[in-house]
C-alpha atoms as a PDB file:
ATOM      1  CA  MET A   1      -5.191  19.601  25.197  1.00  0.00           C
ATOM      2  CA  LEU A   2      -1.453  19.973  24.347  1.00  0.00           C
ATOM      3  CA  LEU A   3       0.877  16.881  25.155  1.00  0.00           C
ATOM      4  CA  SER A   4       4.605  16.740  25.286  1.00  0.00           C
ATOM      5  CA  LYS A   5       6.531  14.934  23.482  1.00  0.00           C
ATOM      6  CA  GLU A   6       7.325  12.829  26.813  1.00  0.00           C
ATOM      7  CA  GLN A   7       3.643  12.623  27.250  1.00  0.00           C
ATOM      8  CA  LEU A   8       2.666  11.024  23.943  1.00  0.00           C
ATOM      9  CA  SER A   9       5.451   9.101  23.994  1.00  0.00           C
ATOM     10  CA  SER A  10       4.472   7.331  26.916  1.00  0.00           C
ATOM     11  CA  VAL A  11       1.130   6.991  25.595  1.00  0.00           C
ATOM     12  CA  MET A  12       1.842   5.400  22.160  1.00  0.00           C
ATOM     13  CA  ALA A  13       3.981   3.111  23.912  1.00  0.00           C
ATOM     14  CA  LYS A  14       1.230   1.605  26.168  1.00  0.00           C
ATOM     15  CA  HIS A  15      -1.137   1.819  23.128  1.00  0.00           C
ATOM     16  CA  SER A  16       1.270  -0.228  21.384  1.00  0.00           C
ATOM     17  CA  GLU A  17       1.415  -2.598  24.370  1.00  0.00           C
ATOM     18  CA  ARG A  18      -2.233  -3.631  23.734  1.00  0.00           C
ATOM     19  CA  GLU A  19      -3.373  -6.294  21.162  1.00  0.00           C
ATOM     20  CA  ASN A  20      -3.740  -4.462  17.897  1.00  0.00           C
ATOM     21  CA  GLY A  21      -2.337  -1.993  19.305  1.00  0.00           C
ATOM     22  CA  LEU A  22       0.740  -1.189  16.878  1.00  0.00           C
ATOM     23  CA  HIS A  23      -2.170  -1.538  13.933  1.00  0.00           C
ATOM     24  CA  ASP A  24      -4.103   1.228  15.800  1.00  0.00           C
ATOM     25  CA  LEU A  25      -0.838   3.288  15.832  1.00  0.00           C
ATOM     26  CA  MET A  26      -0.259   2.795  12.132  1.00  0.00           C
ATOM     27  CA  GLU A  27      -3.580   3.989  10.850  1.00  0.00           C
ATOM     28  CA  ILE A  28      -3.874   6.808  13.504  1.00  0.00           C
ATOM     29  CA  MET A  29      -0.225   8.069  12.041  1.00  0.00           C
ATOM     30  CA  LEU A  30      -1.248   7.815   8.354  1.00  0.00           C
ATOM     31  CA  GLU A  31      -4.840  10.063   9.386  1.00  0.00           C
ATOM     32  CA  SER A  32      -2.423  12.234  10.982  1.00  0.00           C
ATOM     33  CA  MET A  33      -0.142  12.538   8.162  1.00  0.00           C
ATOM     34  CA  MET A  34      -2.828  12.925   5.193  1.00  0.00           C
ATOM     35  CA  LEU A  35      -4.231  15.545   7.669  1.00  0.00           C
ATOM     36  CA  ALA A  36      -1.001  17.656   7.814  1.00  0.00           C
ATOM     37  CA  GLU A  37      -0.832  17.372   4.126  1.00  0.00           C
ATOM     38  CA  ARG A  38      -3.957  18.695   3.679  1.00  0.00           C
ATOM     39  CA  ARG A  39      -3.775  21.626   5.467  1.00  0.00           C
ATOM     40  CA  GLU A  40      -0.930  22.338   3.682  1.00  0.00           C
ATOM     41  CA  PHE A  41      -2.404  22.025   0.409  1.00  0.00           C
ATOM     42  CA  LEU A  42      -5.298  23.843   1.687  1.00  0.00           C
ATOM     43  CA  ASP A  43      -2.893  26.970   2.383  1.00  0.00           C
ATOM     44  CA  GLN A  44      -1.955  26.911  -0.972  1.00  0.00           C
ATOM     45  CA  SER A  45      -5.105  26.959  -2.715  1.00  0.00           C
ATOM     46  CA  LYS A  46      -6.680  29.966  -2.110  1.00  0.00           C
ATOM     47  CA  GLY A  47     -10.559  29.509  -1.987  1.00  0.00           C
ATOM     48  CA  ASN A  48     -10.416  25.917  -1.321  1.00  0.00           C
ATOM     49  CA  LYS A  49     -11.384  24.407   2.071  1.00  0.00           C
ATOM     50  CA  GLY A  50     -11.430  20.623   3.694  1.00  0.00           C
ATOM     51  CA  ASN A  51     -14.669  18.750   2.696  1.00  0.00           C
ATOM     52  CA  GLY A  52     -14.908  15.460   4.891  1.00  0.00           C
ATOM     53  CA  TYR A  53     -13.190  11.983   4.354  1.00  0.00           C
ATOM     54  CA  ARG A  54     -13.539   8.794   2.413  1.00  0.00           C
ATOM     55  CA  GLN A  55     -12.882   5.184   3.211  1.00  0.00           C
ATOM     56  CA  GLY A  56      -9.519   4.255   2.314  1.00  0.00           C
ATOM     57  CA  ARG A  57      -7.776   0.808   3.185  1.00  0.00           C
ATOM     58  CA  SER A  58      -4.268  -0.281   2.259  1.00  0.00           C
ATOM     59  CA  PHE A  59      -2.549  -3.639   3.088  1.00  0.00           C
ATOM     60  CA  GLY A  60       0.333  -3.463   5.848  1.00  0.00           C
ATOM     61  CA  HIS A  61       2.363  -5.830   8.143  1.00  0.00           C
ATOM     62  CA  GLY A  62      -0.109  -8.663   6.979  1.00  0.00           C
ATOM     63  CA  ARG A  63      -3.279  -6.937   7.887  1.00  0.00           C
ATOM     64  CA  VAL A  64      -5.620  -4.420   5.975  1.00  0.00           C
ATOM     65  CA  LEU A  65      -5.127  -0.936   7.419  1.00  0.00           C
ATOM     66  CA  GLU A  66      -8.516   1.127   7.495  1.00  0.00           C
ATOM     67  CA  PHE A  67      -8.537   4.482   7.354  1.00  0.00           C
ATOM     68  CA  ARG A  68     -10.118   7.880   6.402  1.00  0.00           C
ATOM     69  CA  ILE A  69      -8.700  10.260   3.504  1.00  0.00           C
ATOM     70  CA  PRO A  70      -8.949  13.664   3.852  1.00  0.00           C
ATOM     71  CA  ARG A  71     -10.864  15.462   1.040  1.00  0.00           C
ATOM     72  CA  ASP A  72     -11.142  18.810  -0.459  1.00  0.00           C
ATOM     73  CA  ARG A  73     -13.816  20.792  -1.843  1.00  0.00           C
ATOM     74  CA  TYR A  74     -12.639  20.551  -5.688  1.00  0.00           C
ATOM     75  CA  GLY A  75     -11.561  17.043  -5.114  1.00  0.00           C
ATOM     76  CA  ASN A  76      -7.932  17.775  -6.320  1.00  0.00           C
ATOM     77  CA  PHE A  77      -6.095  16.780  -2.970  1.00  0.00           C
ATOM     78  CA  HIS A  78      -4.752  13.158  -3.232  1.00  0.00           C
ATOM     79  CA  PRO A  79      -2.059  12.195  -0.601  1.00  0.00           C
ATOM     80  CA  LYS A  80       1.237  11.765  -0.863  1.00  0.00           C
ATOM     81  CA  ILE A  81       1.576   8.781   1.604  1.00  0.00           C
ATOM     82  CA  LEU A  82      -1.013   6.961   0.150  1.00  0.00           C
ATOM     83  CA  ALA A  83       1.200   6.954  -3.205  1.00  0.00           C
ATOM     84  CA  LEU A  84       3.806   5.182  -1.342  1.00  0.00           C
ATOM     85  CA  LEU A  85       1.507   2.861   0.530  1.00  0.00           C
ATOM     86  CA  ARG A  86       0.454   1.588  -3.060  1.00  0.00           C
ATOM     87  CA  ASP A  87       3.834   1.614  -4.149  1.00  0.00           C
ATOM     88  CA  GLN A  88       4.925  -0.585  -1.530  1.00  0.00           C
ATOM     89  CA  GLU A  89       1.559  -3.009  -2.025  1.00  0.00           C
ATOM     90  CA  LEU A  90       2.467  -3.341  -5.577  1.00  0.00           C
ATOM     91  CA  GLU A  91       6.385  -4.236  -4.394  1.00  0.00           C
ATOM     92  CA  CYS A  92       5.445  -6.909  -2.103  1.00  0.00           C
ATOM     93  CA  GLU A  93       3.233  -8.431  -4.792  1.00  0.00           C
ATOM     94  CA  ARG A  94       5.862  -8.036  -7.036  1.00  0.00           C
ATOM     95  CA  LEU A  95       8.164 -10.147  -4.860  1.00  0.00           C
ATOM     96  CA  ALA A  96       5.869 -12.567  -3.997  1.00  0.00           C
ATOM     97  CA  GLY A  97       5.102 -13.353  -7.342  1.00  0.00           C
ATOM     98  CA  SER A  98       8.865 -13.187  -8.285  1.00  0.00           C
ATOM     99  CA  LEU A  99       9.324 -15.994  -5.381  1.00  0.00           C
ATOM    100  CA  TYR A 100       6.927 -18.098  -6.324  1.00  0.00           C
ATOM    101  CA  CYS A 101       7.394 -18.442  -9.843  1.00  0.00           C
ATOM    102  CA  ARG A 102      10.927 -19.531  -8.873  1.00  0.00           C
ATOM    103  CA  GLY A 103       9.801 -22.403  -7.101  1.00  0.00           C
ATOM    104  CA  LEU A 104       9.460 -21.677  -3.973  1.00  0.00           C
ATOM    105  CA  THR A 105       6.313 -22.567  -1.395  1.00  0.00           C
ATOM    106  CA  GLN A 106       3.602 -20.308  -0.646  1.00  0.00           C
ATOM    107  CA  GLY A 107       5.358 -20.909   3.319  1.00  0.00           C
ATOM    108  CA  GLN A 108       8.765 -20.051   2.235  1.00  0.00           C
ATOM    109  CA  VAL A 109       7.444 -17.116   0.718  1.00  0.00           C
ATOM    110  CA  GLY A 110       5.702 -16.206   3.933  1.00  0.00           C
ATOM    111  CA  GLU A 111       9.293 -16.827   5.706  1.00  0.00           C
ATOM    112  CA  ILE A 112      11.585 -14.379   3.392  1.00  0.00           C
ATOM    113  CA  PHE A 113       8.995 -11.584   4.035  1.00  0.00           C
ATOM    114  CA  GLY A 114       9.154 -12.232   7.579  1.00  0.00           C
ATOM    115  CA  GLU A 115      12.899 -11.828   7.437  1.00  0.00           C
ATOM    116  CA  ILE A 116      12.903  -8.586   5.089  1.00  0.00           C
ATOM    117  CA  TYR A 117       9.670  -6.695   6.675  1.00  0.00           C
ATOM    118  CA  GLY A 118       9.643  -8.445   9.986  1.00  0.00           C
ATOM    119  CA  GLU A 119       6.711 -10.359   9.700  1.00  0.00           C
ATOM    120  CA  HIS A 120       5.150 -13.280   8.947  1.00  0.00           C
ATOM    121  CA  TYR A 121       3.439 -13.256   6.448  1.00  0.00           C
ATOM    122  CA  SER A 122       0.377 -16.361   6.609  1.00  0.00           C
ATOM    123  CA  LYS A 123       0.227 -18.957   3.625  1.00  0.00           C
ATOM    124  CA  ALA A 124      -3.173 -16.917   2.790  1.00  0.00           C
ATOM    125  CA  SER A 125      -2.077 -13.470   2.400  1.00  0.00           C
ATOM    126  CA  ILE A 126       0.748 -14.840   0.151  1.00  0.00           C
ATOM    127  CA  SER A 127      -1.826 -16.845  -1.880  1.00  0.00           C
ATOM    128  CA  ARG A 128      -3.760 -13.606  -2.214  1.00  0.00           C
ATOM    129  CA  MET A 129      -0.784 -11.752  -3.521  1.00  0.00           C
ATOM    130  CA  ILE A 130      -0.031 -14.127  -6.086  1.00  0.00           C
ATOM    131  CA  ASP A 131      -3.973 -14.238  -7.148  1.00  0.00           C
ATOM    132  CA  TYR A 132      -2.854 -10.835  -8.244  1.00  0.00           C
ATOM    133  CA  LEU A 133      -0.374 -11.909 -10.361  1.00  0.00           C
ATOM    134  CA  ARG A 134      -2.515 -15.156 -11.631  1.00  0.00           C
ATOM    135  CA  SER A 135      -5.241 -12.929 -12.897  1.00  0.00           C
ATOM    136  CA  ASP A 136      -2.336 -10.830 -14.719  1.00  0.00           C
ATOM    137  CA  VAL A 137      -0.933 -13.416 -16.299  1.00  0.00           C
ATOM    138  CA  GLN A 138      -4.578 -14.951 -17.197  1.00  0.00           C
ATOM    139  CA  GLU A 139      -5.652 -11.447 -18.586  1.00  0.00           C
ATOM    140  CA  TRP A 140      -2.100 -11.628 -21.236  1.00  0.00           C
ATOM    141  CA  LEU A 141      -2.634 -14.695 -22.389  1.00  0.00           C
ATOM    142  CA  ASN A 142      -6.354 -14.143 -23.185  1.00  0.00           C
ATOM    143  CA  ARG A 143      -5.782 -10.781 -24.674  1.00  0.00           C
ATOM    144  CA  PRO A 144      -7.041 -10.239 -28.146  1.00  0.00           C
ATOM    145  CA  LEU A 145      -4.376 -10.772 -31.194  1.00  0.00           C
ATOM    146  CA  GLU A 146      -3.766  -9.187 -34.533  1.00  0.00           C
ATOM    147  CA  GLY A 147      -4.925 -11.268 -37.293  1.00  0.00           C
ATOM    148  CA  TYR A 148      -1.625  -9.516 -39.134  1.00  0.00           C
ATOM    149  CA  TYR A 149       1.869  -8.390 -37.581  1.00  0.00           C
ATOM    150  CA  PRO A 150       4.258  -6.237 -39.589  1.00  0.00           C
ATOM    151  CA  ILE A 151       7.926  -7.722 -39.796  1.00  0.00           C
ATOM    152  CA  VAL A 152      10.754  -5.418 -40.308  1.00  0.00           C
ATOM    153  CA  PHE A 153      14.093  -7.085 -41.054  1.00  0.00           C
ATOM    154  CA  ILE A 154      17.584  -4.983 -40.875  1.00  0.00           C
ATOM    155  CA  ALA A 155      20.459  -6.613 -42.472  1.00  0.00           C
ATOM    156  CA  VAL A 156      24.250  -5.343 -40.524  1.00  0.00           C
ATOM    157  CA  ARG A 157      27.313  -5.713 -42.099  1.00  0.00           C
END
């Protein structure tokens, strides 16, 4: 059954009014985009076929999105939309860490995220983002150091 644009728009509008409806629509949209991307990929690589799905997760609008990532037979298909989501997630973590390091409280960081992304992030969400930063900093602080570091001085007249 094919739906017209108007029918599809009406169904999506009704669904988005439900509790978690917008969240569900986001997951459906991501899966559809990845399927279309795989279809294009398989058209380009002869002899390759679709081979089911694997589970995927991402963080979006203060919630965890869960979706199915389509696979191909040879494991060469990697959806580009996932790279965009990963970049966005890393950017959110960097922004949260930067604001927190400048002295803002987790609540203030959540308010700024609300202004930027249109949805208020909870203190718990901001805390999780900052924990990633803390683990990176701790890893850097605990890195092994060399016993000897050569130094070169260059004098310019």
